[in-house]
């Protein structure tokens, strides 16, 4: 992880209160809670992207009649 960069952000009051409560409950700083939430969001976006890629290639495989691993092996040998 690189050097920390200070930023000022605005949050709706209810979200700020929730974040502060979470920080207190977990023994973290508010900054730590925000960092964790952003990292989790990034992971979620990457998982969604991966599911999209998997879906695309699954459709392509079905279009070629590849439904099982044996079908894939036969396709790759051809």
N, C-alpha and C. Protein backbone atom coordinates (compact mmCIF):
# COMPACT_ATOMS: atom_id res chain seq x y z
N UNK A 1 0.85 -1.16 0.00
CA UNK A 1 0.00 0.00 0.00
C UNK A 1 0.90 1.23 0.00
N UNK A 2 0.52 2.24 -0.81
CA UNK A 2 1.30 3.46 -0.91
C UNK A 2 1.01 4.41 0.23
N UNK A 3 1.56 5.59 0.11
CA UNK A 3 1.34 6.61 1.11
C UNK A 3 -0.12 7.03 1.13
N UNK A 4 -0.62 7.33 2.28
CA UNK A 4 -2.01 7.76 2.44
C UNK A 4 -2.18 9.17 1.88
N UNK A 5 -3.33 9.40 1.29
CA UNK A 5 -3.68 10.72 0.76
C UNK A 5 -4.92 11.18 1.49
N UNK A 6 -4.85 12.36 2.07
CA UNK A 6 -6.00 12.89 2.81
C UNK A 6 -7.00 13.47 1.83
N UNK A 7 -8.28 13.14 2.05
CA UNK A 7 -9.37 13.67 1.24
C UNK A 7 -10.49 14.08 2.17
N UNK A 8 -11.25 15.05 1.75
CA UNK A 8 -12.44 15.46 2.49
C UNK A 8 -13.63 14.97 1.71
N UNK A 9 -14.53 14.25 2.38
CA UNK A 9 -15.73 13.75 1.71
C UNK A 9 -16.96 14.19 2.49
N UNK A 10 -18.08 14.19 1.81
CA UNK A 10 -19.35 14.50 2.46
C UNK A 10 -20.21 13.24 2.44
N UNK A 11 -20.87 12.99 3.55
CA UNK A 11 -21.77 11.84 3.65
C UNK A 11 -23.12 12.32 4.16
N UNK A 12 -24.19 11.68 3.74
CA UNK A 12 -25.48 11.99 4.35
C UNK A 12 -25.40 11.68 5.85
N UNK A 13 -26.14 12.40 6.65
CA UNK A 13 -26.05 12.25 8.11
C UNK A 13 -26.26 10.81 8.56
N UNK A 14 -27.25 10.13 7.98
CA UNK A 14 -27.52 8.75 8.42
C UNK A 14 -26.37 7.81 8.07
N UNK A 15 -25.75 8.00 6.92
CA UNK A 15 -24.63 7.16 6.53
C UNK A 15 -23.41 7.45 7.39
N UNK A 16 -23.18 8.72 7.70
CA UNK A 16 -22.06 9.09 8.57
C UNK A 16 -22.23 8.48 9.95
N UNK A 17 -23.45 8.55 10.47
CA UNK A 17 -23.73 7.98 11.80
C UNK A 17 -23.50 6.47 11.79
N UNK A 18 -23.95 5.82 10.74
CA UNK A 18 -23.76 4.37 10.63
C UNK A 18 -22.28 4.01 10.54
N UNK A 19 -21.52 4.77 9.75
CA UNK A 19 -20.09 4.50 9.60
C UNK A 19 -19.36 4.72 10.93
N UNK A 20 -19.72 5.78 11.64
CA UNK A 20 -19.09 6.05 12.93
C UNK A 20 -19.42 4.95 13.94
N UNK A 21 -20.66 4.48 13.93
CA UNK A 21 -21.06 3.40 14.84
C UNK A 21 -20.30 2.12 14.51
N UNK A 22 -20.15 1.85 13.22
CA UNK A 22 -19.40 0.65 12.81
C UNK A 22 -17.95 0.76 13.25
N UNK A 23 -17.36 1.92 13.07
CA UNK A 23 -15.97 2.13 13.48
C UNK A 23 -15.81 1.87 14.97
N UNK A 24 -16.71 2.42 15.75
CA UNK A 24 -16.64 2.24 17.21
C UNK A 24 -16.82 0.77 17.58
N UNK A 25 -17.80 0.12 16.96
CA UNK A 25 -18.08 -1.29 17.28
C UNK A 25 -16.92 -2.20 16.91
N UNK A 26 -16.23 -1.86 15.82
CA UNK A 26 -15.14 -2.72 15.34
C UNK A 26 -13.77 -2.25 15.82
N UNK A 27 -13.74 -1.17 16.60
CA UNK A 27 -12.47 -0.67 17.10
C UNK A 27 -11.57 -0.13 16.00
N UNK A 28 -12.19 0.49 15.00
CA UNK A 28 -11.44 1.04 13.87
C UNK A 28 -11.64 2.54 13.82
N UNK A 29 -10.83 3.17 13.00
CA UNK A 29 -11.04 4.58 12.73
C UNK A 29 -12.12 4.70 11.66
N UNK A 30 -12.70 5.88 11.55
CA UNK A 30 -13.67 6.13 10.49
C UNK A 30 -12.99 5.95 9.13
N UNK A 31 -11.77 6.40 9.02
CA UNK A 31 -11.00 6.24 7.79
C UNK A 31 -10.86 4.75 7.44
N UNK A 32 -10.57 3.94 8.43
CA UNK A 32 -10.43 2.50 8.21
C UNK A 32 -11.72 1.87 7.71
N UNK A 33 -12.85 2.30 8.27
CA UNK A 33 -14.15 1.78 7.84
C UNK A 33 -14.43 2.16 6.39
N UNK A 34 -14.15 3.40 6.03
CA UNK A 34 -14.37 3.87 4.66
C UNK A 34 -13.45 3.12 3.70
N UNK A 35 -12.19 2.94 4.08
CA UNK A 35 -11.25 2.20 3.23
C UNK A 35 -11.75 0.78 2.99
N UNK A 36 -12.19 0.12 4.06
CA UNK A 36 -12.69 -1.24 3.93
C UNK A 36 -13.91 -1.30 3.01
N UNK A 37 -14.82 -0.36 3.16
CA UNK A 37 -16.02 -0.33 2.33
C UNK A 37 -15.66 -0.14 0.86
N UNK A 38 -14.69 0.73 0.59
CA UNK A 38 -14.27 0.94 -0.80
C UNK A 38 -13.60 -0.30 -1.38
N UNK A 39 -12.79 -0.96 -0.57
CA UNK A 39 -12.14 -2.20 -1.04
C UNK A 39 -13.20 -3.28 -1.32
N UNK A 40 -14.18 -3.41 -0.43
CA UNK A 40 -15.25 -4.39 -0.63
C UNK A 40 -16.04 -4.08 -1.89
N UNK A 41 -16.29 -2.80 -2.14
CA UNK A 41 -17.01 -2.40 -3.35
C UNK A 41 -16.19 -2.76 -4.59
N UNK A 42 -14.89 -2.55 -4.53
CA UNK A 42 -14.02 -2.88 -5.66
C UNK A 42 -14.06 -4.38 -5.94
N UNK A 43 -13.98 -5.19 -4.88
CA UNK A 43 -14.05 -6.64 -5.04
C UNK A 43 -15.39 -7.04 -5.65
N UNK A 44 -16.47 -6.42 -5.18
CA UNK A 44 -17.80 -6.71 -5.71
C UNK A 44 -17.89 -6.40 -7.20
N UNK A 45 -17.33 -5.27 -7.61
CA UNK A 45 -17.33 -4.91 -9.04
C UNK A 45 -16.54 -5.92 -9.85
N UNK A 46 -15.41 -6.36 -9.34
CA UNK A 46 -14.59 -7.34 -10.07
C UNK A 46 -15.29 -8.69 -10.16
N UNK A 47 -15.98 -9.08 -9.10
CA UNK A 47 -16.73 -10.34 -9.14
C UNK A 47 -17.85 -10.26 -10.17
N UNK A 48 -18.53 -9.12 -10.22
CA UNK A 48 -19.60 -8.93 -11.19
C UNK A 48 -19.04 -8.99 -12.61
N UNK A 49 -17.90 -8.37 -12.83
CA UNK A 49 -17.26 -8.40 -14.14
C UNK A 49 -16.89 -9.83 -14.52
N UNK A 50 -16.34 -10.58 -13.57
CA UNK A 50 -15.96 -11.97 -13.82
C UNK A 50 -17.19 -12.81 -14.18
N UNK A 51 -18.30 -12.60 -13.45
CA UNK A 51 -19.52 -13.35 -13.78
C UNK A 51 -19.99 -13.03 -15.19
N UNK A 52 -19.85 -11.78 -15.60
CA UNK A 52 -20.21 -11.40 -16.96
C UNK A 52 -19.34 -12.11 -17.99
N UNK A 53 -18.05 -12.16 -17.74
CA UNK A 53 -17.12 -12.84 -18.65
C UNK A 53 -17.44 -14.33 -18.69
N UNK A 54 -17.68 -14.94 -17.54
CA UNK A 54 -18.02 -16.36 -17.49
C UNK A 54 -19.30 -16.63 -18.27
N UNK A 55 -20.28 -15.76 -18.11
CA UNK A 55 -21.54 -15.92 -18.83
C UNK A 55 -21.34 -15.84 -20.33
N UNK A 56 -20.53 -14.89 -20.77
CA UNK A 56 -20.24 -14.74 -22.19
C UNK A 56 -19.63 -16.01 -22.75
N UNK A 57 -18.59 -16.53 -22.09
CA UNK A 57 -17.91 -17.71 -22.61
C UNK A 57 -18.76 -18.97 -22.46
N UNK A 58 -19.60 -19.02 -21.45
CA UNK A 58 -20.53 -20.15 -21.32
C UNK A 58 -21.50 -20.17 -22.50
N UNK A 59 -22.03 -19.01 -22.87
CA UNK A 59 -22.92 -18.92 -24.04
C UNK A 59 -22.20 -19.34 -25.31
N UNK A 60 -20.97 -18.87 -25.47
CA UNK A 60 -20.18 -19.24 -26.66
C UNK A 60 -19.95 -20.75 -26.70
N UNK A 61 -19.66 -21.34 -25.56
CA UNK A 61 -19.44 -22.79 -25.51
C UNK A 61 -20.72 -23.55 -25.89
N UNK A 62 -21.85 -23.11 -25.33
CA UNK A 62 -23.12 -23.78 -25.67
C UNK A 62 -23.42 -23.66 -27.15
N UNK A 63 -23.12 -22.50 -27.74
CA UNK A 63 -23.34 -22.32 -29.18
C UNK A 63 -22.52 -23.31 -29.99
N UNK A 64 -21.38 -23.74 -29.47
CA UNK A 64 -20.53 -24.72 -30.15
C UNK A 64 -20.87 -26.16 -29.75
N UNK A 65 -21.90 -26.32 -28.91
CA UNK A 65 -22.30 -27.65 -28.46
C UNK A 65 -21.43 -28.20 -27.35
N UNK A 66 -20.70 -27.33 -26.69
CA UNK A 66 -19.83 -27.75 -25.58
C UNK A 66 -20.62 -27.62 -24.29
N UNK A 67 -21.03 -28.78 -23.77
CA UNK A 67 -21.85 -28.79 -22.56
C UNK A 67 -21.16 -29.49 -21.39
N UNK A 68 -20.16 -30.32 -21.69
CA UNK A 68 -19.45 -31.05 -20.64
C UNK A 68 -17.95 -30.90 -20.85
N UNK A 69 -17.18 -31.38 -19.88
CA UNK A 69 -15.73 -31.35 -20.02
C UNK A 69 -15.29 -32.23 -21.17
N UNK A 70 -15.97 -33.36 -21.37
CA UNK A 70 -15.62 -34.25 -22.49
C UNK A 70 -15.86 -33.55 -23.81
N UNK A 71 -16.97 -32.79 -23.90
CA UNK A 71 -17.23 -32.01 -25.12
C UNK A 71 -16.09 -31.03 -25.36
N UNK A 72 -15.62 -30.38 -24.32
CA UNK A 72 -14.54 -29.42 -24.42
C UNK A 72 -13.25 -30.11 -24.90
N UNK A 73 -12.96 -31.26 -24.30
CA UNK A 73 -11.76 -32.01 -24.71
C UNK A 73 -11.82 -32.36 -26.19
N UNK A 74 -12.98 -32.84 -26.67
CA UNK A 74 -13.13 -33.18 -28.09
C UNK A 74 -12.96 -31.93 -28.95
N UNK A 75 -13.52 -30.81 -28.53
CA UNK A 75 -13.42 -29.57 -29.27
C UNK A 75 -11.96 -29.11 -29.37
N UNK A 76 -11.23 -29.20 -28.28
CA UNK A 76 -9.85 -28.75 -28.26
C UNK A 76 -8.94 -29.65 -29.08
N UNK A 77 -9.29 -30.92 -29.21
CA UNK A 77 -8.47 -31.87 -29.99
C UNK A 77 -8.70 -31.70 -31.49
N UNK A 78 -9.84 -31.15 -31.85
CA UNK A 78 -10.20 -31.04 -33.28
C UNK A 78 -9.37 -30.00 -34.00
